[in-house]
N, C-alpha and C. Protein backbone atom coordinates (compact mmCIF):
# COMPACT_ATOMS: atom_id res chain seq x y z
N UNK A 1 39.32 13.64 17.76
CA UNK A 1 38.74 12.31 17.57
C UNK A 1 37.23 12.37 17.75
N UNK A 2 36.52 11.78 16.82
CA UNK A 2 35.08 11.80 16.87
C UNK A 2 34.58 10.75 17.86
N UNK A 3 33.61 11.14 18.68
CA UNK A 3 33.02 10.20 19.63
C UNK A 3 31.80 9.56 19.00
N UNK A 4 31.87 8.24 18.81
CA UNK A 4 30.73 7.52 18.25
C UNK A 4 30.32 6.42 19.21
N UNK A 5 29.04 6.05 19.14
CA UNK A 5 28.54 4.94 19.93
C UNK A 5 29.20 3.66 19.44
N UNK A 6 29.45 2.74 20.35
CA UNK A 6 30.08 1.49 19.96
C UNK A 6 29.16 0.70 19.04
N UNK A 7 29.75 0.06 18.06
CA UNK A 7 29.03 -0.74 17.08
C UNK A 7 28.32 -1.93 17.72
N UNK A 8 28.83 -2.39 18.87
CA UNK A 8 28.30 -3.60 19.51
C UNK A 8 26.96 -3.37 20.19
N UNK A 9 26.51 -2.11 20.26
CA UNK A 9 25.19 -1.83 20.83
C UNK A 9 25.17 -1.70 22.34
N UNK A 10 26.33 -1.56 22.96
CA UNK A 10 26.41 -1.46 24.42
C UNK A 10 25.85 -0.14 24.95
N UNK A 11 25.73 0.86 24.07
CA UNK A 11 25.30 2.18 24.52
C UNK A 11 26.45 3.02 25.03
N UNK A 12 27.66 2.49 24.96
CA UNK A 12 28.88 3.16 25.42
C UNK A 12 29.62 3.70 24.19
N UNK A 13 30.46 4.70 24.40
CA UNK A 13 31.27 5.19 23.30
C UNK A 13 32.26 4.12 22.86
N UNK A 14 32.49 4.05 21.54
CA UNK A 14 33.41 3.07 20.96
C UNK A 14 34.77 3.13 21.63
N UNK A 15 35.27 4.34 21.88
CA UNK A 15 36.61 4.50 22.49
C UNK A 15 36.67 3.96 23.91
N UNK A 16 35.52 3.83 24.58
CA UNK A 16 35.47 3.32 25.95
C UNK A 16 34.95 1.88 26.01
N UNK A 17 34.68 1.29 24.87
CA UNK A 17 34.07 -0.04 24.84
C UNK A 17 34.98 -1.01 24.08
N UNK A 18 34.73 -1.22 22.81
CA UNK A 18 35.46 -2.23 22.02
C UNK A 18 36.79 -1.75 21.45
N UNK A 19 36.94 -0.45 21.22
CA UNK A 19 38.16 0.04 20.59
C UNK A 19 39.45 -0.35 21.33
N UNK A 20 39.50 -0.25 22.67
CA UNK A 20 40.75 -0.66 23.36
C UNK A 20 41.10 -2.15 23.15
N UNK A 21 40.09 -3.00 22.95
CA UNK A 21 40.35 -4.41 22.67
C UNK A 21 40.88 -4.56 21.25
N UNK A 22 40.22 -3.90 20.30
CA UNK A 22 40.61 -4.00 18.90
C UNK A 22 42.03 -3.46 18.69
N UNK A 23 42.36 -2.39 19.40
CA UNK A 23 43.71 -1.82 19.28
C UNK A 23 44.72 -2.56 20.17
N UNK A 24 44.25 -3.59 20.85
CA UNK A 24 45.06 -4.45 21.72
C UNK A 24 45.74 -3.68 22.85
N UNK A 25 45.03 -2.67 23.33
CA UNK A 25 45.45 -1.92 24.52
C UNK A 25 45.04 -2.70 25.76
N UNK A 26 43.87 -3.37 25.66
CA UNK A 26 43.35 -4.19 26.75
C UNK A 26 42.89 -5.52 26.16
N UNK A 27 42.82 -6.54 27.01
CA UNK A 27 42.29 -7.85 26.60
C UNK A 27 40.82 -7.92 26.98
N UNK A 28 40.02 -8.51 26.11
CA UNK A 28 38.61 -8.71 26.42
C UNK A 28 38.52 -9.61 27.66
N UNK A 29 37.81 -9.17 28.70
CA UNK A 29 37.78 -9.93 29.95
C UNK A 29 36.87 -11.15 29.96
N UNK A 30 35.95 -11.23 28.99
CA UNK A 30 35.00 -12.34 28.93
C UNK A 30 34.78 -12.74 27.48
N UNK A 31 34.18 -13.92 27.29
CA UNK A 31 33.81 -14.35 25.94
C UNK A 31 32.82 -13.37 25.33
N UNK A 32 31.88 -12.88 26.12
CA UNK A 32 30.89 -11.92 25.62
C UNK A 32 31.56 -10.63 25.15
N UNK A 33 32.50 -10.13 25.93
CA UNK A 33 33.23 -8.91 25.53
C UNK A 33 34.01 -9.15 24.24
N UNK A 34 34.59 -10.35 24.10
CA UNK A 34 35.32 -10.66 22.87
C UNK A 34 34.36 -10.73 21.69
N UNK A 35 33.20 -11.36 21.88
CA UNK A 35 32.19 -11.45 20.82
C UNK A 35 31.79 -10.05 20.37
N UNK A 36 31.50 -9.18 21.32
CA UNK A 36 31.09 -7.81 21.00
C UNK A 36 32.20 -7.07 20.24
N UNK A 37 33.44 -7.25 20.68
CA UNK A 37 34.56 -6.56 20.02
C UNK A 37 34.80 -7.12 18.62
N UNK A 38 34.55 -8.39 18.43
CA UNK A 38 34.71 -8.97 17.09
C UNK A 38 33.64 -8.43 16.15
N UNK A 39 32.42 -8.25 16.64
CA UNK A 39 31.38 -7.62 15.81
C UNK A 39 31.84 -6.21 15.42
N UNK A 40 32.33 -5.45 16.40
CA UNK A 40 32.81 -4.10 16.13
C UNK A 40 33.98 -4.12 15.15
N UNK A 41 34.80 -5.15 15.23
CA UNK A 41 35.93 -5.29 14.30
C UNK A 41 35.43 -5.52 12.86
N UNK A 42 34.35 -6.28 12.72
CA UNK A 42 33.75 -6.43 11.39
C UNK A 42 33.23 -5.08 10.90
N UNK A 43 32.57 -4.35 11.77
CA UNK A 43 32.00 -3.05 11.40
C UNK A 43 33.08 -2.04 11.02
N UNK A 44 34.27 -2.18 11.60
CA UNK A 44 35.36 -1.24 11.33
C UNK A 44 36.46 -1.85 10.44
N UNK A 45 36.21 -3.06 9.94
CA UNK A 45 37.09 -3.75 8.98
C UNK A 45 38.48 -4.05 9.55
N UNK A 46 38.53 -4.39 10.81
CA UNK A 46 39.80 -4.69 11.50
C UNK A 46 40.13 -6.18 11.37
N UNK A 47 40.59 -6.56 10.20
CA UNK A 47 40.87 -7.96 9.86
C UNK A 47 41.94 -8.56 10.77
N UNK A 48 42.99 -7.81 11.05
CA UNK A 48 44.07 -8.31 11.89
C UNK A 48 43.53 -8.77 13.25
N UNK A 49 42.67 -7.96 13.87
CA UNK A 49 42.11 -8.31 15.17
C UNK A 49 41.25 -9.57 15.07
N UNK A 50 40.48 -9.68 14.00
CA UNK A 50 39.62 -10.86 13.83
C UNK A 50 40.46 -12.13 13.73
N UNK A 51 41.55 -12.07 13.00
CA UNK A 51 42.44 -13.24 12.90
C UNK A 51 43.15 -13.51 14.23
N UNK A 52 43.65 -12.47 14.87
CA UNK A 52 44.37 -12.63 16.13
C UNK A 52 43.50 -13.21 17.24
N UNK A 53 42.20 -12.93 17.20
CA UNK A 53 41.31 -13.42 18.25
C UNK A 53 40.61 -14.73 17.86
N UNK A 54 41.01 -15.29 16.73
CA UNK A 54 40.56 -16.63 16.35
C UNK A 54 41.58 -17.61 16.91
N UNK A 55 41.09 -18.69 17.52
CA UNK A 55 41.99 -19.66 18.14
C UNK A 55 43.01 -20.16 17.12
N UNK A 56 44.24 -20.30 17.55
CA UNK A 56 45.35 -20.71 16.69
C UNK A 56 45.06 -21.98 15.90
N UNK A 57 44.35 -22.93 16.52
CA UNK A 57 44.04 -24.20 15.85
C UNK A 57 43.05 -24.03 14.70
N UNK A 58 42.37 -22.89 14.63
CA UNK A 58 41.34 -22.65 13.61
C UNK A 58 41.74 -21.59 12.58
N UNK A 59 42.81 -20.84 12.84
CA UNK A 59 43.20 -19.71 11.99
C UNK A 59 43.41 -20.10 10.54
N UNK A 60 43.93 -21.30 10.31
CA UNK A 60 44.25 -21.73 8.95
C UNK A 60 43.00 -21.83 8.06
N UNK A 61 41.83 -21.87 8.68
CA UNK A 61 40.58 -21.98 7.91
C UNK A 61 40.05 -20.61 7.47
N UNK A 62 40.74 -19.55 7.85
CA UNK A 62 40.27 -18.20 7.55
C UNK A 62 41.30 -17.46 6.71
N UNK A 63 40.82 -16.68 5.78
CA UNK A 63 41.68 -15.90 4.89
C UNK A 63 41.46 -14.42 5.16
N UNK A 64 42.56 -13.65 5.21
CA UNK A 64 42.46 -12.20 5.41
C UNK A 64 41.59 -11.57 4.33
N UNK A 65 41.77 -12.00 3.11
CA UNK A 65 41.01 -11.44 1.99
C UNK A 65 39.52 -11.75 2.15
N UNK A 66 39.19 -13.00 2.49
CA UNK A 66 37.78 -13.37 2.67
C UNK A 66 37.14 -12.58 3.81
N UNK A 67 37.86 -12.44 4.91
CA UNK A 67 37.32 -11.69 6.05
C UNK A 67 37.11 -10.23 5.65
N UNK A 68 38.10 -9.65 5.00
CA UNK A 68 38.00 -8.26 4.57
C UNK A 68 36.81 -8.07 3.61
N UNK A 69 36.69 -8.97 2.65
CA UNK A 69 35.59 -8.88 1.67
C UNK A 69 34.23 -8.98 2.34
N UNK A 70 34.09 -9.90 3.30
CA UNK A 70 32.83 -10.08 4.03
C UNK A 70 32.53 -8.84 4.87
N UNK A 71 33.55 -8.33 5.54
CA UNK A 71 33.37 -7.16 6.41
C UNK A 71 32.97 -5.92 5.62
N UNK A 72 33.63 -5.71 4.47
CA UNK A 72 33.39 -4.49 3.70
C UNK A 72 32.19 -4.57 2.77
N UNK A 73 31.78 -5.77 2.39
CA UNK A 73 30.64 -5.92 1.49
C UNK A 73 29.31 -5.62 2.19
N UNK A 74 29.33 -5.66 3.50
CA UNK A 74 28.10 -5.50 4.27
C UNK A 74 28.13 -4.26 5.14
N UNK A 75 26.95 -3.71 5.38
CA UNK A 75 26.78 -2.58 6.30
C UNK A 75 26.26 -3.19 7.61
N UNK A 76 27.07 -3.17 8.65
CA UNK A 76 26.72 -3.81 9.92
C UNK A 76 25.83 -2.87 10.71
N UNK A 77 24.60 -3.30 11.00
CA UNK A 77 23.61 -2.39 11.55
C UNK A 77 23.27 -2.61 13.02
N UNK A 78 23.37 -3.85 13.49
CA UNK A 78 23.00 -4.09 14.90
C UNK A 78 23.49 -5.46 15.35
N UNK A 79 23.94 -5.51 16.59
CA UNK A 79 24.28 -6.79 17.23
C UNK A 79 23.25 -7.06 18.31
N UNK A 80 22.66 -8.24 18.25
CA UNK A 80 21.66 -8.66 19.23
C UNK A 80 22.20 -9.90 19.95
N UNK A 81 22.41 -9.78 21.25
CA UNK A 81 22.86 -10.93 22.05
C UNK A 81 21.61 -11.69 22.48
N UNK A 82 21.50 -12.94 22.06
CA UNK A 82 20.33 -13.76 22.37
C UNK A 82 20.52 -14.45 23.72
N UNK A 83 21.71 -15.02 23.92
CA UNK A 83 21.99 -15.77 25.14
C UNK A 83 23.50 -15.93 25.25
N UNK A 84 23.99 -16.11 26.47
CA UNK A 84 25.43 -16.35 26.64
C UNK A 84 25.69 -17.01 27.99
N UNK A 85 26.82 -17.70 28.06
CA UNK A 85 27.34 -18.19 29.34
C UNK A 85 28.85 -17.94 29.31
N UNK A 86 29.59 -18.63 30.14
CA UNK A 86 31.02 -18.33 30.25
C UNK A 86 31.77 -18.46 28.93
N UNK A 87 31.47 -19.50 28.14
CA UNK A 87 32.27 -19.72 26.93
C UNK A 87 31.48 -19.86 25.63
N UNK A 88 30.19 -19.52 25.65
CA UNK A 88 29.40 -19.50 24.42
C UNK A 88 28.58 -18.21 24.37
N UNK A 89 28.35 -17.76 23.14
CA UNK A 89 27.50 -16.59 22.92
C UNK A 89 26.61 -16.88 21.71
N UNK A 90 25.30 -16.78 21.92
CA UNK A 90 24.36 -16.86 20.81
C UNK A 90 24.01 -15.42 20.44
N UNK A 91 24.16 -15.11 19.17
CA UNK A 91 23.92 -13.74 18.74
C UNK A 91 23.28 -13.69 17.36
N UNK A 92 22.72 -12.53 17.07
CA UNK A 92 22.22 -12.22 15.74
C UNK A 92 22.91 -10.94 15.29
N UNK A 93 23.69 -11.05 14.22
CA UNK A 93 24.35 -9.89 13.63
C UNK A 93 23.49 -9.42 12.46
N UNK A 94 22.95 -8.23 12.60
CA UNK A 94 22.10 -7.67 11.56
C UNK A 94 22.97 -6.85 10.61
N UNK A 95 22.73 -7.02 9.32
CA UNK A 95 23.50 -6.28 8.33
C UNK A 95 22.71 -6.13 7.05
N UNK A 96 23.15 -5.18 6.23
CA UNK A 96 22.59 -4.97 4.90
C UNK A 96 23.66 -5.40 3.92
N UNK A 97 23.30 -6.31 3.00
CA UNK A 97 24.29 -6.82 2.05
C UNK A 97 24.48 -5.85 0.89
N UNK A 98 25.36 -6.23 -0.04
CA UNK A 98 25.69 -5.34 -1.16
C UNK A 98 24.50 -5.07 -2.08
N UNK A 99 23.45 -5.89 -1.98
CA UNK A 99 22.22 -5.67 -2.76
C UNK A 99 21.18 -4.89 -1.95
N UNK A 100 21.64 -4.33 -0.82
CA UNK A 100 20.79 -3.53 0.08
C UNK A 100 19.64 -4.33 0.68
N UNK A 101 19.88 -5.63 0.87
CA UNK A 101 18.89 -6.51 1.49
C UNK A 101 19.26 -6.70 2.96
N UNK A 102 18.26 -6.58 3.83
CA UNK A 102 18.47 -6.80 5.26
C UNK A 102 18.73 -8.29 5.49
N UNK A 103 19.77 -8.59 6.26
CA UNK A 103 20.14 -9.97 6.55
C UNK A 103 20.39 -10.14 8.04
N UNK A 104 20.26 -11.37 8.52
CA UNK A 104 20.60 -11.68 9.91
C UNK A 104 21.48 -12.92 9.93
N UNK A 105 22.65 -12.78 10.53
CA UNK A 105 23.57 -13.90 10.73
C UNK A 105 23.35 -14.36 12.17
N UNK A 106 22.72 -15.54 12.35
CA UNK A 106 22.40 -16.08 13.68
C UNK A 106 23.36 -17.21 13.97
N UNK A 107 24.12 -17.08 15.05
CA UNK A 107 25.18 -18.05 15.34
C UNK A 107 25.30 -18.31 16.83
N UNK A 108 25.69 -19.53 17.16
CA UNK A 108 26.10 -19.90 18.51
C UNK A 108 27.60 -20.09 18.44
N UNK A 109 28.34 -19.15 19.02
CA UNK A 109 29.81 -19.17 18.98
C UNK A 109 30.39 -19.77 20.24
N UNK A 110 31.50 -20.48 20.08
CA UNK A 110 32.22 -21.07 21.20
C UNK A 110 33.56 -20.37 21.33
N UNK A 111 33.94 -20.09 22.58
CA UNK A 111 35.18 -19.38 22.88
C UNK A 111 35.98 -20.18 23.90
N UNK A 112 37.27 -19.92 23.97
CA UNK A 112 38.11 -20.56 24.97
C UNK A 112 39.07 -19.54 25.57
N UNK A 113 39.38 -19.72 26.84
CA UNK A 113 40.32 -18.86 27.54
C UNK A 113 41.65 -19.59 27.61
N UNK A 114 42.69 -18.96 27.06
CA UNK A 114 44.02 -19.57 27.04
C UNK A 114 45.06 -18.52 27.40
N UNK A 115 45.86 -18.80 28.39
CA UNK A 115 46.92 -17.87 28.81
C UNK A 115 46.41 -16.45 29.03
N UNK A 116 45.24 -16.35 29.63
CA UNK A 116 44.67 -15.06 29.97
C UNK A 116 43.99 -14.32 28.84
N UNK A 117 43.87 -14.95 27.67
CA UNK A 117 43.20 -14.32 26.52
C UNK A 117 42.06 -15.19 26.02
N UNK A 118 40.96 -14.54 25.65
CA UNK A 118 39.83 -15.24 25.05
C UNK A 118 40.02 -15.34 23.55
N UNK A 119 39.60 -16.48 22.98
CA UNK A 119 39.68 -16.71 21.54
C UNK A 119 38.38 -17.30 21.03
N UNK A 120 38.02 -16.91 19.82
CA UNK A 120 36.90 -17.52 19.10
C UNK A 120 37.36 -18.88 18.59
N UNK A 121 36.59 -19.93 18.87
CA UNK A 121 36.95 -21.27 18.40
C UNK A 121 36.15 -21.63 17.15
N UNK A 122 34.83 -21.61 17.26
CA UNK A 122 34.00 -21.90 16.10
C UNK A 122 32.56 -21.48 16.38
N UNK A 123 31.75 -21.61 15.34
CA UNK A 123 30.36 -21.22 15.47
C UNK A 123 29.44 -22.15 14.72
N UNK A 124 28.23 -22.27 15.24
CA UNK A 124 27.20 -23.09 14.63
C UNK A 124 26.12 -22.13 14.15
N UNK A 125 25.82 -22.18 12.85
CA UNK A 125 24.78 -21.31 12.29
C UNK A 125 23.40 -21.82 12.72
N UNK A 126 22.55 -20.90 13.08
CA UNK A 126 21.20 -21.22 13.53
C UNK A 126 20.19 -20.54 12.61
N UNK A 127 18.97 -21.08 12.58
CA UNK A 127 17.91 -20.46 11.76
C UNK A 127 17.30 -19.27 12.47
């Protein structure tokens, strides 16, 4: 198995950081850890994990095909955490689109803890 740095920018190896969450070996202990693992899931095209960690009340608004297309159309280059508290994370996801243009997705995401698991609820796009 190849040892690579985690996509989330933690400076830790992927296998010791987000991979155990994505493979559902461990649960993300905080909203921030879930946010980081979801970014890594986009980078590794793990659509199932992205849907599973979206709150049940919001899942119907997301399509596996759309998530897969968004994840694979872009080259995910860096995750920047701007600010966070217990249940929100403001971040900038840096990526290169299919036209090789540098892009930044800036969002304030809301999370909720339910039955011992964190879930993504929704996000507000920021400039």
